[in-house]
Amino acid sequence: MRTTLERIFFVHPRAVNEDYLAHAGVALRFALQLFRAALAALVHAAVPALFETSASSIIKKLHREMTERSGGSQRG
């Protein structure tokens, strides 16, 4: 039986062939890119002429990368 700590911190990273720190780094990089996309969308909402495609471009790039990393599977 897995311990709660193992399940919370290690099961998922191992499932994607990463250790905890490698997975944390990837997740942090994705989070920062999503934050950047959110800021671009926020500015675009106020001034439509600015950052017209920035948020969608970032999201498409991240989606492509995530799909490649997961071997094309769509897990939630």
N, C-alpha and C. Protein backbone atom coordinates (compact mmCIF):
# COMPACT_ATOMS: atom_id res chain seq x y z
N MET A 1 0.84 -1.19 0.00
CA MET A 1 0.00 0.00 0.00
C MET A 1 0.89 1.25 0.00
N ARG A 2 0.55 2.19 -0.82
CA ARG A 2 1.33 3.42 -0.90
C ARG A 2 0.99 4.36 0.25
N THR A 3 2.02 5.03 0.71
CA THR A 3 1.77 6.03 1.75
C THR A 3 1.16 7.26 1.11
N THR A 4 0.53 8.05 1.90
CA THR A 4 -0.09 9.27 1.40
C THR A 4 0.97 10.21 0.81
N LEU A 5 2.10 10.35 1.49
CA LEU A 5 3.15 11.24 0.98
C LEU A 5 3.69 10.76 -0.36
N GLU A 6 3.87 9.46 -0.50
CA GLU A 6 4.35 8.92 -1.78
C GLU A 6 3.33 9.21 -2.88
N ARG A 7 2.07 8.97 -2.58
CA ARG A 7 1.02 9.20 -3.57
C ARG A 7 0.96 10.67 -3.97
N ILE A 8 1.05 11.57 -3.01
CA ILE A 8 0.93 13.00 -3.28
C ILE A 8 2.12 13.55 -4.05
N PHE A 9 3.33 13.11 -3.70
CA PHE A 9 4.53 13.74 -4.27
C PHE A 9 5.27 12.94 -5.33
N PHE A 10 5.10 11.65 -5.40
CA PHE A 10 5.97 10.86 -6.27
C PHE A 10 5.28 10.01 -7.33
N VAL A 11 4.06 9.60 -7.11
CA VAL A 11 3.41 8.69 -8.06
C VAL A 11 3.26 9.33 -9.44
N HIS A 12 2.71 10.50 -9.52
CA HIS A 12 2.51 11.14 -10.83
C HIS A 12 3.83 11.45 -11.53
N PRO A 13 4.81 12.08 -10.88
CA PRO A 13 6.08 12.30 -11.58
C PRO A 13 6.69 11.01 -12.14
N ARG A 14 6.65 9.93 -11.37
CA ARG A 14 7.17 8.65 -11.86
C ARG A 14 6.38 8.16 -13.06
N ALA A 15 5.08 8.41 -13.07
CA ALA A 15 4.23 7.97 -14.17
C ALA A 15 4.59 8.66 -15.49
N VAL A 16 5.20 9.84 -15.40
CA VAL A 16 5.62 10.56 -16.61
C VAL A 16 7.14 10.54 -16.75
N ASN A 17 7.76 9.55 -16.10
CA ASN A 17 9.21 9.32 -16.20
C ASN A 17 10.06 10.51 -15.77
N GLU A 18 9.69 11.13 -14.66
CA GLU A 18 10.46 12.23 -14.10
C GLU A 18 10.59 12.02 -12.60
N ASP A 19 11.62 12.63 -12.02
CA ASP A 19 11.67 12.64 -10.57
C ASP A 19 10.91 13.88 -10.09
N TYR A 20 10.79 14.01 -8.79
CA TYR A 20 9.99 15.10 -8.23
C TYR A 20 10.48 16.47 -8.69
N LEU A 21 11.79 16.73 -8.57
CA LEU A 21 12.32 18.05 -8.92
C LEU A 21 12.21 18.37 -10.40
N ALA A 22 12.45 17.39 -11.25
CA ALA A 22 12.30 17.61 -12.70
C ALA A 22 10.85 17.96 -13.02
N HIS A 23 9.93 17.22 -12.43
CA HIS A 23 8.51 17.48 -12.69
C HIS A 23 8.09 18.85 -12.15
N ALA A 24 8.60 19.19 -10.97
CA ALA A 24 8.29 20.51 -10.40
C ALA A 24 8.80 21.62 -11.31
N GLY A 25 9.99 21.45 -11.87
CA GLY A 25 10.54 22.46 -12.78
C GLY A 25 9.69 22.63 -14.02
N VAL A 26 9.27 21.53 -14.61
CA VAL A 26 8.42 21.60 -15.81
C VAL A 26 7.09 22.28 -15.46
N ALA A 27 6.49 21.87 -14.36
CA ALA A 27 5.21 22.44 -13.95
C ALA A 27 5.33 23.93 -13.65
N LEU A 28 6.43 24.33 -13.03
CA LEU A 28 6.64 25.75 -12.74
C LEU A 28 6.81 26.55 -14.02
N ARG A 29 7.56 26.00 -14.98
CA ARG A 29 7.74 26.69 -16.25
C ARG A 29 6.39 26.85 -16.97
N PHE A 30 5.57 25.80 -16.95
CA PHE A 30 4.24 25.90 -17.55
C PHE A 30 3.40 26.96 -16.83
N ALA A 31 3.47 26.98 -15.50
CA ALA A 31 2.69 27.96 -14.72
C ALA A 31 3.11 29.38 -15.07
N LEU A 32 4.40 29.61 -15.20
CA LEU A 32 4.87 30.96 -15.53
C LEU A 32 4.43 31.37 -16.93
N GLN A 33 4.45 30.44 -17.86
CA GLN A 33 3.98 30.74 -19.22
C GLN A 33 2.48 31.03 -19.22
N LEU A 34 1.73 30.28 -18.44
CA LEU A 34 0.28 30.54 -18.35
C LEU A 34 0.00 31.89 -17.69
N PHE A 35 0.81 32.24 -16.70
CA PHE A 35 0.68 33.55 -16.07
C PHE A 35 0.94 34.65 -17.09
N ARG A 36 1.97 34.47 -17.90
CA ARG A 36 2.29 35.42 -18.97
C ARG A 36 1.12 35.54 -19.95
N ALA A 37 0.52 34.40 -20.32
CA ALA A 37 -0.63 34.40 -21.22
C ALA A 37 -1.81 35.14 -20.58
N ALA A 38 -2.02 34.91 -19.29
CA ALA A 38 -3.12 35.58 -18.59
C ALA A 38 -2.92 37.09 -18.57
N LEU A 39 -1.69 37.53 -18.32
CA LEU A 39 -1.42 38.97 -18.32
C LEU A 39 -1.66 39.58 -19.71
N ALA A 40 -1.23 38.87 -20.75
CA ALA A 40 -1.45 39.36 -22.12
C ALA A 40 -2.94 39.45 -22.40
N ALA A 41 -3.71 38.46 -21.98
CA ALA A 41 -5.16 38.47 -22.20
C ALA A 41 -5.82 39.60 -21.41
N LEU A 42 -5.33 39.86 -20.21
CA LEU A 42 -5.88 40.95 -19.39
C LEU A 42 -5.65 42.30 -20.06
N VAL A 43 -4.43 42.51 -20.55
CA VAL A 43 -4.13 43.76 -21.25
C VAL A 43 -4.97 43.84 -22.53
N HIS A 44 -5.07 42.73 -23.25
CA HIS A 44 -5.85 42.70 -24.49
C HIS A 44 -7.32 43.02 -24.23
N ALA A 45 -7.83 42.59 -23.09
CA ALA A 45 -9.24 42.89 -22.76
C ALA A 45 -9.46 44.39 -22.61
N ALA A 46 -8.47 45.09 -22.07
CA ALA A 46 -8.60 46.53 -21.86
C ALA A 46 -8.28 47.32 -23.13
N VAL A 47 -7.26 46.85 -23.88
CA VAL A 47 -6.83 47.54 -25.10
C VAL A 47 -6.72 46.48 -26.20
N PRO A 48 -7.79 46.26 -26.96
CA PRO A 48 -7.82 45.17 -27.94
C PRO A 48 -6.71 45.20 -28.99
N ALA A 49 -6.14 46.35 -29.26
CA ALA A 49 -5.08 46.42 -30.27
C ALA A 49 -3.75 45.86 -29.76
N LEU A 50 -3.64 45.63 -28.45
CA LEU A 50 -2.40 45.10 -27.88
C LEU A 50 -2.52 43.59 -27.64
N PHE A 51 -1.43 42.89 -27.85
CA PHE A 51 -1.34 41.45 -27.58
C PHE A 51 -2.48 40.66 -28.23
N GLU A 52 -2.73 40.94 -29.49
CA GLU A 52 -3.86 40.32 -30.19
C GLU A 52 -3.80 38.80 -30.24
N THR A 53 -2.61 38.25 -30.36
CA THR A 53 -2.49 36.78 -30.47
C THR A 53 -1.56 36.19 -29.42
N SER A 54 -1.06 36.99 -28.53
CA SER A 54 -0.06 36.51 -27.56
C SER A 54 -0.57 35.36 -26.69
N ALA A 55 -1.71 35.53 -26.07
CA ALA A 55 -2.22 34.51 -25.16
C ALA A 55 -2.50 33.21 -25.91
N SER A 56 -3.16 33.29 -27.05
CA SER A 56 -3.48 32.07 -27.78
C SER A 56 -2.21 31.40 -28.30
N SER A 57 -1.23 32.17 -28.71
CA SER A 57 0.04 31.58 -29.18
C SER A 57 0.74 30.82 -28.07
N ILE A 58 0.78 31.39 -26.88
CA ILE A 58 1.42 30.73 -25.74
C ILE A 58 0.68 29.44 -25.41
N ILE A 59 -0.64 29.49 -25.38
CA ILE A 59 -1.43 28.32 -25.03
C ILE A 59 -1.27 27.22 -26.07
N LYS A 60 -1.26 27.60 -27.36
CA LYS A 60 -1.06 26.59 -28.41
C LYS A 60 0.31 25.94 -28.29
N LYS A 61 1.34 26.73 -27.99
CA LYS A 61 2.69 26.20 -27.82
C LYS A 61 2.75 25.23 -26.65
N LEU A 62 2.13 25.62 -25.52
CA LEU A 62 2.12 24.75 -24.35
C LEU A 62 1.34 23.46 -24.62
N HIS A 63 0.24 23.58 -25.33
CA HIS A 63 -0.56 22.40 -25.66
C HIS A 63 0.26 21.44 -26.52
N ARG A 64 0.95 21.97 -27.51
CA ARG A 64 1.80 21.16 -28.38
C ARG A 64 2.87 20.43 -27.55
N GLU A 65 3.52 21.18 -26.68
CA GLU A 65 4.58 20.60 -25.85
C GLU A 65 4.03 19.52 -24.92
N MET A 66 2.90 19.79 -24.30
CA MET A 66 2.32 18.82 -23.37
C MET A 66 1.88 17.57 -24.12
N THR A 67 1.31 17.73 -25.30
CA THR A 67 0.89 16.59 -26.09
C THR A 67 2.10 15.74 -26.49
N GLU A 68 3.19 16.38 -26.89
CA GLU A 68 4.41 15.66 -27.25
C GLU A 68 5.00 14.94 -26.05
N ARG A 69 5.01 15.60 -24.89
CA ARG A 69 5.58 15.01 -23.67
C ARG A 69 4.78 13.78 -23.24
N SER A 70 3.49 13.79 -23.47
CA SER A 70 2.65 12.70 -23.00
C SER A 70 2.48 11.62 -24.07
N GLY A 71 3.17 11.76 -25.18
CA GLY A 71 3.05 10.77 -26.24
C GLY A 71 1.73 10.84 -26.97
N GLY A 72 1.09 11.99 -26.91
CA GLY A 72 -0.16 12.19 -27.63
C GLY A 72 -1.40 11.81 -26.85
N SER A 73 -1.25 11.26 -25.65
CA SER A 73 -2.42 10.86 -24.88
C SER A 73 -3.08 12.10 -24.25
N GLN A 74 -4.34 12.02 -24.00
CA GLN A 74 -5.10 13.13 -23.41
C GLN A 74 -5.60 12.72 -22.04
N ARG A 75 -4.72 12.75 -21.03
CA ARG A 75 -5.10 12.42 -19.66
C ARG A 75 -5.45 13.67 -18.89
N GLY A 76 -6.40 13.56 -17.98
CA GLY A 76 -6.79 14.69 -17.16
C GLY A 76 -6.18 14.68 -15.80
